[in-house]
Amino acid sequence: MPEVTEYLYKIQPTRLEMLTQGPTADEATLVARHLAYLQGLAAQGVVVLAGRTLDADERAFGIVVFRAASEEAARDVMNNDPAVKNGVMRAELYPYRIAVMAKSA
């Protein structure tokens, strides 16, 4: 069985106005699909956490910390994110190691 390791992908909107002026109907649909995709992966134990900064400027970004068996598998997770796949968000993949994590209640 391959070793599972952690990865992080950073996402940023490709159109800043999505944050400053609001999303178009297509962007809103794709962001909803993006969230559903991540929630599904979290339910499977793949996604550890996902969230975004609350900035509404060029510094705004989100992160997804997740587990994958290889960099190729990690890249597939990132590239199959509907927001990334459809160009609403650009993404960068990083190998990642969780150093500290709170225990679940």
Protein backbone atom coordinates (compact mmCIF):
# COMPACT_ATOMS: atom_id res chain seq x y z
CA MET A 1 0.00 0.00 0.00
CA PRO A 2 1.45 3.43 -0.94
CA GLU A 3 2.36 5.83 1.83
CA VAL A 4 -0.17 8.60 2.22
CA THR A 5 1.30 12.03 2.69
CA GLU A 6 -0.11 15.50 3.08
CA TYR A 7 -0.35 18.23 0.51
CA LEU A 8 -1.64 21.75 0.43
CA TYR A 9 -3.03 23.63 -2.48
CA LYS A 10 -3.37 27.36 -2.44
CA ILE A 11 -6.16 28.86 -4.50
CA GLN A 12 -6.82 32.41 -5.60
CA PRO A 13 -9.62 33.82 -7.72
CA THR A 14 -8.66 34.44 -11.32
CA ARG A 15 -10.96 37.47 -11.36
CA LEU A 16 -10.48 39.72 -8.33
CA GLU A 17 -13.83 41.38 -8.93
CA MET A 18 -15.44 38.12 -7.83
CA LEU A 19 -14.46 39.20 -4.30
CA THR A 20 -14.77 42.97 -4.60
CA GLN A 21 -17.99 43.20 -6.63
CA GLY A 22 -19.46 39.73 -6.20
CA PRO A 23 -19.45 36.58 -8.30
CA THR A 24 -21.17 36.15 -11.62
CA ALA A 25 -23.90 33.51 -11.76
CA ASP A 26 -21.43 31.03 -13.32
CA GLU A 27 -18.79 31.79 -10.66
CA ALA A 28 -21.34 31.35 -7.87
CA THR A 29 -22.38 27.97 -9.28
CA LEU A 30 -18.77 26.82 -9.59
CA VAL A 31 -17.86 28.01 -6.10
CA ALA A 32 -20.85 26.03 -4.75
CA ARG A 33 -19.59 22.96 -6.65
CA HIS A 34 -16.08 23.63 -5.28
CA LEU A 35 -17.41 23.61 -1.71
CA ALA A 36 -19.45 20.45 -2.32
CA TYR A 37 -16.36 18.76 -3.81
CA LEU A 38 -14.27 19.62 -0.74
CA GLN A 39 -17.04 18.55 1.65
CA GLY A 40 -17.24 15.20 -0.16
CA LEU A 41 -13.49 14.71 0.12
CA ALA A 42 -13.63 15.67 3.81
CA ALA A 43 -16.32 13.04 4.39
CA GLN A 44 -13.97 10.47 2.80
CA GLY A 45 -11.11 11.55 5.08
CA VAL A 46 -9.09 13.04 2.23
CA VAL A 47 -9.44 16.74 3.07
CA VAL A 48 -8.16 17.66 6.52
CA LEU A 49 -9.20 21.31 6.36
CA ALA A 50 -10.10 23.98 3.87
CA GLY A 51 -10.71 27.67 4.22
CA ARG A 52 -9.89 31.13 3.00
CA THR A 53 -8.65 34.46 4.14
CA LEU A 54 -11.26 37.16 4.59
CA ASP A 55 -9.34 39.69 2.51
CA ALA A 56 -11.13 41.04 -0.54
CA ASP A 57 -8.05 42.21 -2.40
CA GLU A 58 -5.12 40.71 -4.32
CA ARG A 59 -3.83 39.10 -1.10
CA ALA A 60 -6.93 36.89 -0.77
CA PHE A 61 -6.33 33.15 -0.95
CA GLY A 62 -7.71 29.84 0.22
CA ILE A 63 -5.96 26.65 1.26
CA VAL A 64 -6.88 23.01 1.13
CA VAL A 65 -4.83 20.62 3.28
CA PHE A 66 -5.38 17.03 2.23
CA ARG A 67 -3.93 13.54 2.05
CA ALA A 68 -2.84 11.74 -1.10
CA ALA A 69 -0.74 8.70 -1.95
CA SER A 70 1.51 10.56 -4.41
CA GLU A 71 2.15 13.94 -5.96
CA GLU A 72 0.33 12.76 -9.07
CA ALA A 73 -2.73 11.80 -7.00
CA ALA A 74 -2.51 15.14 -5.17
CA ARG A 75 -2.37 17.01 -8.47
CA ASP A 76 -5.47 15.10 -9.61
CA VAL A 77 -7.35 16.17 -6.46
CA MET A 78 -6.39 19.80 -7.07
CA ASN A 79 -7.06 19.78 -10.81
CA ASN A 80 -10.47 18.10 -10.36
CA ASP A 81 -11.65 20.85 -8.02
CA PRO A 82 -14.50 22.40 -10.07
CA ALA A 83 -13.30 25.97 -9.38
CA VAL A 84 -9.80 25.09 -10.62
CA LYS A 85 -10.95 22.88 -13.49
CA ASN A 86 -13.23 25.63 -14.80
CA GLY A 87 -10.79 28.52 -14.37
CA VAL A 88 -12.55 30.40 -11.54
CA MET A 89 -9.54 29.78 -9.29
CA ARG A 90 -5.87 29.28 -10.02
CA ALA A 91 -4.07 26.77 -7.83
CA GLU A 92 -0.56 25.89 -6.68
CA LEU A 93 0.33 22.54 -5.12
CA TYR A 94 2.81 22.12 -2.25
CA PRO A 95 4.02 19.06 -0.35
CA TYR A 96 2.99 19.69 3.24
CA ARG A 97 3.44 18.25 6.71
CA ILE A 98 1.05 18.87 9.56
CA ALA A 99 3.18 19.56 12.64
CA VAL A 100 0.48 20.36 15.21
CA MET A 101 -3.19 19.53 15.10
CA ALA A 102 -5.82 19.76 17.82
CA LYS A 103 -7.45 16.49 18.84
CA SER A 104 -11.09 16.07 17.92
CA ALA A 105 -13.54 16.44 20.77
